[in-house]
Amino acid sequence: MKILALEFSSARRGAAVVEVVPAVCNRRLDASSATEGDSTSAARGGRVLGLAVAEGIVPGPFELIESALRSAGVEREQVECIAVGLGPGSYTGIRSAIALAQGWQLALGVKLLGISTAEVLASTAQAAGVAGRVTVVIDALREEFYSASYEITAGGWRETAPLRLLKREAVEALAAAGEILLSPDGKCLPAGAKLVLPSAAELGRLASLRDDFQPGEKLEPIYLRETSFVKAPAPRFY
């Protein structure tokens, strides 16, 4: 199966084409259950065929997708699954990735998967050689951060604390206690945090190990706050 992965939740947007490794097809193995010391491609997921990344919004999402498909030697019609990084992160980026996936499913009937960007960050860090107990922190504005904790080994990772909202003081206390902080937010990096940007290739690898496909209408960005709107006051005429 060929997977197109769209990770648009950070300042660096990426698209990757990943092919499911045949050896993994008959046994489900995710990054959180990989045995320690098992760093084989089967434990990490599918192989990357093509990758395109860009800072900011240039080039646009369509150009990124075309570049990834071209480098992989894959036609649009050959894509069987689209994986989307659901955030938390850039509102516009995540929404555009979801809209692209939904339209693709309507047109060609592809399978869809939504995966937390916090998980993508943990997998990206593990691929880069980070090990130990880490906490992913993503700017949530209002002096708060979306946060999730993981235990990372050479063979994989497992979640130790689910995604939640933390005040800046709590995040800084974790750093002071020796916790490894990972964040994709270069412009507002918490004190002591390491910059790690979510990888579209890692998103694709995670997707290659899962089969909990979703209909397009079920894909939603991950937010931990209730959406609220304030009605603007009526205009004043003087």
Protein backbone atom coordinates (compact mmCIF):
# COMPACT_ATOMS: atom_id res chain seq x y z
CA MET A 1 0.00 0.00 0.00
CA LYS A 2 1.27 3.47 -0.90
CA ILE A 3 0.58 6.20 1.65
CA LEU A 4 0.69 9.95 1.10
CA ALA A 5 1.50 11.66 4.42
CA LEU A 6 0.64 15.33 4.96
CA GLU A 7 2.21 17.02 7.99
CA PHE A 8 1.30 20.72 7.83
CA SER A 9 1.02 21.48 11.55
CA SER A 10 4.29 23.41 11.98
CA ALA A 11 6.32 26.10 10.21
CA ARG A 12 7.92 23.35 8.12
CA ARG A 13 5.27 21.67 6.04
CA GLY A 14 6.01 18.31 4.51
CA ALA A 15 4.57 15.65 2.23
CA ALA A 16 5.94 12.12 1.96
CA VAL A 17 5.11 8.97 0.05
CA VAL A 18 5.61 5.82 2.11
CA GLU A 19 5.17 2.22 1.01
CA VAL A 20 4.06 -0.41 3.49
CA VAL A 21 6.79 -2.95 4.19
CA PRO A 22 5.37 -6.38 3.21
CA ALA A 23 6.77 -8.04 6.33
CA VAL A 24 4.63 -5.77 8.49
CA CYS A 25 1.39 -6.35 6.62
CA ASN A 26 0.54 -9.61 8.42
CA ARG A 27 1.34 -8.49 11.94
CA ARG A 28 0.39 -5.25 13.59
CA LEU A 29 3.33 -3.58 15.28
CA ASP A 30 3.29 0.05 16.33
CA ALA A 31 6.07 2.26 17.59
CA SER A 32 4.84 2.07 21.16
CA SER A 33 5.03 -1.75 21.22
CA ALA A 34 8.35 -2.24 19.42
CA THR A 35 10.77 -4.27 21.52
CA GLU A 36 13.84 -2.55 22.91
CA GLY A 37 16.80 -2.87 20.59
CA ASP A 38 14.63 -3.67 17.59
CA SER A 39 15.54 -0.91 15.15
CA THR A 40 14.67 -2.79 11.97
CA SER A 41 12.58 -1.18 9.24
CA ALA A 42 9.75 -3.53 10.16
CA ALA A 43 9.63 -2.09 13.68
CA ARG A 44 9.76 1.48 12.37
CA GLY A 45 7.22 1.10 9.60
CA GLY A 46 7.17 1.50 5.83
CA ARG A 47 9.95 2.73 3.57
CA VAL A 48 9.98 6.30 2.32
CA LEU A 49 9.74 6.58 -1.46
CA GLY A 50 9.56 10.35 -1.81
CA LEU A 51 9.71 13.43 0.42
CA ALA A 52 9.15 17.16 -0.04
CA VAL A 53 9.44 19.80 2.70
CA ALA A 54 9.21 23.59 2.80
CA GLU A 55 9.35 26.33 5.40
CA GLY A 56 6.21 28.41 5.82
CA ILE A 57 3.57 28.33 3.12
CA VAL A 58 5.78 28.52 0.00
CA PRO A 59 5.54 26.38 -2.01
CA GLY A 60 1.86 25.63 -1.49
CA PRO A 61 0.43 22.25 -0.46
CA PHE A 62 -0.30 21.14 -4.01
CA GLU A 63 3.29 21.84 -5.08
CA LEU A 64 4.59 19.89 -2.07
CA ILE A 65 2.38 16.92 -2.91
CA GLU A 66 3.38 16.95 -6.57
CA SER A 67 7.06 17.13 -5.60
CA ALA A 68 6.75 14.17 -3.21
CA LEU A 69 4.86 12.08 -5.78
CA ARG A 70 7.38 12.95 -8.47
CA SER A 71 10.39 12.03 -6.35
CA ALA A 72 8.68 8.74 -5.44
CA GLY A 73 7.77 7.94 -9.04
CA VAL A 74 4.13 7.52 -7.98
CA GLU A 75 1.01 8.76 -9.80
CA ARG A 76 -1.91 10.29 -7.92
CA GLU A 77 -4.10 7.31 -8.80
CA GLN A 78 -1.62 4.94 -7.11
CA VAL A 79 -2.07 6.55 -3.67
CA GLU A 80 -4.18 4.20 -1.55
CA CYS A 81 -4.14 5.99 1.80
CA ILE A 82 -3.65 9.57 2.98
CA ALA A 83 -2.34 10.20 6.50
CA VAL A 84 -2.84 13.62 8.09
CA GLY A 85 -1.08 15.13 11.09
CA LEU A 86 -4.00 16.39 13.19
CA GLY A 87 -2.00 18.69 15.48
CA PRO A 88 -2.12 20.43 17.82
CA GLY A 89 -0.46 23.09 15.71
CA SER A 90 -1.11 25.51 12.86
CA TYR A 91 -4.86 25.99 12.45
CA THR A 92 -4.58 26.85 8.75
CA GLY A 93 -2.05 24.12 7.96
CA ILE A 94 -3.99 21.33 9.62
CA ARG A 95 -7.31 22.44 8.11
CA SER A 96 -5.82 22.58 4.61
CA ALA A 97 -4.36 19.06 4.98
CA ILE A 98 -7.72 17.71 6.17
CA ALA A 99 -9.55 19.42 3.30
CA LEU A 100 -7.13 17.93 0.77
CA ALA A 101 -7.56 14.45 2.26
CA GLN A 102 -11.35 14.74 2.30
CA GLY A 103 -11.47 15.86 -1.33
CA TRP A 104 -9.12 13.03 -2.38
CA GLN A 105 -11.32 10.48 -0.66
CA LEU A 106 -14.46 11.84 -2.35
CA ALA A 107 -12.78 11.74 -5.75
CA LEU A 108 -10.88 8.45 -5.58
CA GLY A 109 -12.12 6.60 -2.50
CA VAL A 110 -8.73 6.44 -0.76
CA LYS A 111 -8.39 5.39 2.89
CA LEU A 112 -7.74 8.13 5.47
CA LEU A 113 -5.86 8.17 8.76
CA GLY A 114 -5.53 11.00 11.27
CA ILE A 115 -2.57 10.88 13.68
CA SER A 116 -1.60 13.18 16.55
CA THR A 117 1.31 15.47 15.76
CA ALA A 118 2.60 14.81 19.30
CA GLU A 119 3.05 11.15 18.30
CA VAL A 120 4.76 12.23 15.08
CA LEU A 121 7.17 14.38 17.12
CA ALA A 122 7.97 11.45 19.43
CA SER A 123 8.65 9.21 16.43
CA THR A 124 10.73 11.94 14.75
CA ALA A 125 12.81 12.33 17.91
CA GLN A 126 13.31 8.56 18.21
CA ALA A 127 14.49 8.41 14.60
CA ALA A 128 16.98 11.20 15.38
CA GLY A 129 18.49 9.20 18.26
CA VAL A 130 16.77 10.90 21.21
CA ALA A 131 16.31 8.51 24.13
CA GLY A 132 14.85 8.71 27.63
CA ARG A 133 11.76 10.30 29.11
CA VAL A 134 10.70 13.26 26.98
CA THR A 135 7.83 15.71 26.99
CA VAL A 136 6.53 17.20 23.77
CA VAL A 137 5.36 20.81 24.20
CA ILE A 138 3.45 22.70 21.51
CA ASP A 139 2.50 26.36 21.86
CA ALA A 140 -1.19 26.76 22.76
CA LEU A 141 -0.99 30.56 23.24
CA ARG A 142 -2.29 32.22 26.46
CA GLU A 143 1.01 31.20 28.16
CA GLU A 144 0.00 27.54 27.86
CA PHE A 145 1.37 24.52 26.00
CA TYR A 146 -0.13 21.31 24.66
CA SER A 147 1.95 18.60 26.27
CA ALA A 148 2.37 14.81 26.13
CA SER A 149 5.12 12.62 27.61
CA TYR A 150 6.85 9.57 26.16
CA GLU A 151 9.50 7.02 27.06
CA ILE A 152 11.79 6.64 24.05
CA THR A 153 14.26 3.80 23.52
CA ALA A 154 16.38 2.71 20.56
CA GLY A 155 13.58 0.35 19.56
CA GLY A 156 10.54 2.58 19.86
CA TRP A 157 8.49 4.71 22.23
CA ARG A 158 5.45 4.58 24.45
CA GLU A 159 3.18 7.28 25.82
CA THR A 160 3.51 7.87 29.56
CA ALA A 161 1.24 10.91 29.91
CA PRO A 162 -1.57 11.81 27.46
CA LEU A 163 -1.97 15.13 25.70
CA ARG A 164 -3.02 17.90 28.07
CA LEU A 165 -2.68 21.65 28.61
CA LEU A 166 0.10 22.93 30.88
CA LYS A 167 0.92 26.44 32.04
CA ARG A 168 4.33 27.80 31.09
CA GLU A 169 5.45 27.56 34.74
CA ALA A 170 4.66 23.83 34.79
CA VAL A 171 6.61 23.27 31.56
CA GLU A 172 9.61 25.18 32.91
CA ALA A 173 9.42 23.12 36.11
CA LEU A 174 9.68 19.94 34.05
CA ALA A 175 12.82 21.29 32.36
CA ALA A 176 14.29 22.26 35.73
CA ALA A 177 13.66 18.70 36.96
CA GLY A 178 15.74 17.30 34.10
CA GLU A 179 12.94 16.35 31.70
CA ILE A 180 13.87 16.45 28.01
CA LEU A 181 11.54 18.95 26.32
CA LEU A 182 10.88 18.78 22.58
CA SER A 183 9.03 21.53 20.74
CA PRO A 184 8.31 22.46 17.10
CA ASP A 185 7.85 26.13 17.98
CA GLY A 186 11.11 27.87 17.12
CA LYS A 187 9.76 31.37 17.73
CA CYS A 188 8.52 30.66 21.25
CA LEU A 189 10.73 27.79 22.37
CA PRO A 190 10.27 27.16 26.12
CA ALA A 191 13.39 27.48 28.25
CA GLY A 192 15.48 24.30 27.98
CA ALA A 193 13.50 22.81 25.07
CA LYS A 194 15.04 21.28 21.95
CA LEU A 195 13.64 22.22 18.56
CA VAL A 196 12.18 19.17 16.77
CA LEU A 197 9.96 19.59 13.71
CA PRO A 198 7.39 16.87 12.89
CA SER A 199 8.47 14.75 9.93
CA ALA A 200 6.05 13.79 7.16
CA ALA A 201 8.16 10.67 6.63
CA GLU A 202 7.63 9.62 10.25
CA LEU A 203 3.91 10.34 9.93
CA GLY A 204 3.83 8.01 6.93
CA ARG A 205 5.74 5.31 8.79
CA LEU A 206 3.32 5.50 11.72
CA ALA A 207 0.39 5.28 9.32
CA SER A 208 1.90 2.20 7.67
CA LEU A 209 1.54 0.35 10.99
CA ARG A 210 -2.12 1.19 11.53
CA ASP A 211 -5.43 0.13 10.06
CA ASP A 212 -7.95 2.27 11.97
CA PHE A 213 -9.04 4.14 8.85
CA GLN A 214 -11.58 6.94 9.12
CA PRO A 215 -14.21 8.52 6.88
CA GLY A 216 -13.30 12.04 5.83
CA GLU A 217 -16.02 13.71 7.89
CA LYS A 218 -14.52 12.23 11.06
CA LEU A 219 -11.14 13.94 10.59
CA GLU A 220 -10.90 16.86 13.01
CA PRO A 221 -7.95 18.94 14.27
CA ILE A 222 -6.90 18.09 17.82
CA TYR A 223 -7.83 20.86 20.23
CA LEU A 224 -8.07 20.65 24.00
CA ARG A 225 -10.08 23.83 24.44
CA GLU A 226 -13.71 24.26 23.57
CA THR A 227 -14.20 26.51 20.57
CA SER A 228 -15.89 29.73 21.58
CA PHE A 229 -16.89 32.83 19.66
CA VAL A 230 -17.59 36.32 20.95
CA LYS A 231 -20.09 38.40 19.04
CA ALA A 232 -18.63 41.67 17.89
CA PRO A 233 -20.36 44.75 19.28
CA ALA A 234 -22.64 46.69 16.98
CA PRO A 235 -20.89 49.50 15.08
CA ARG A 236 -21.10 52.98 16.56
CA PHE A 237 -22.04 55.95 14.47
CA TYR A 238 -20.94 59.39 15.52
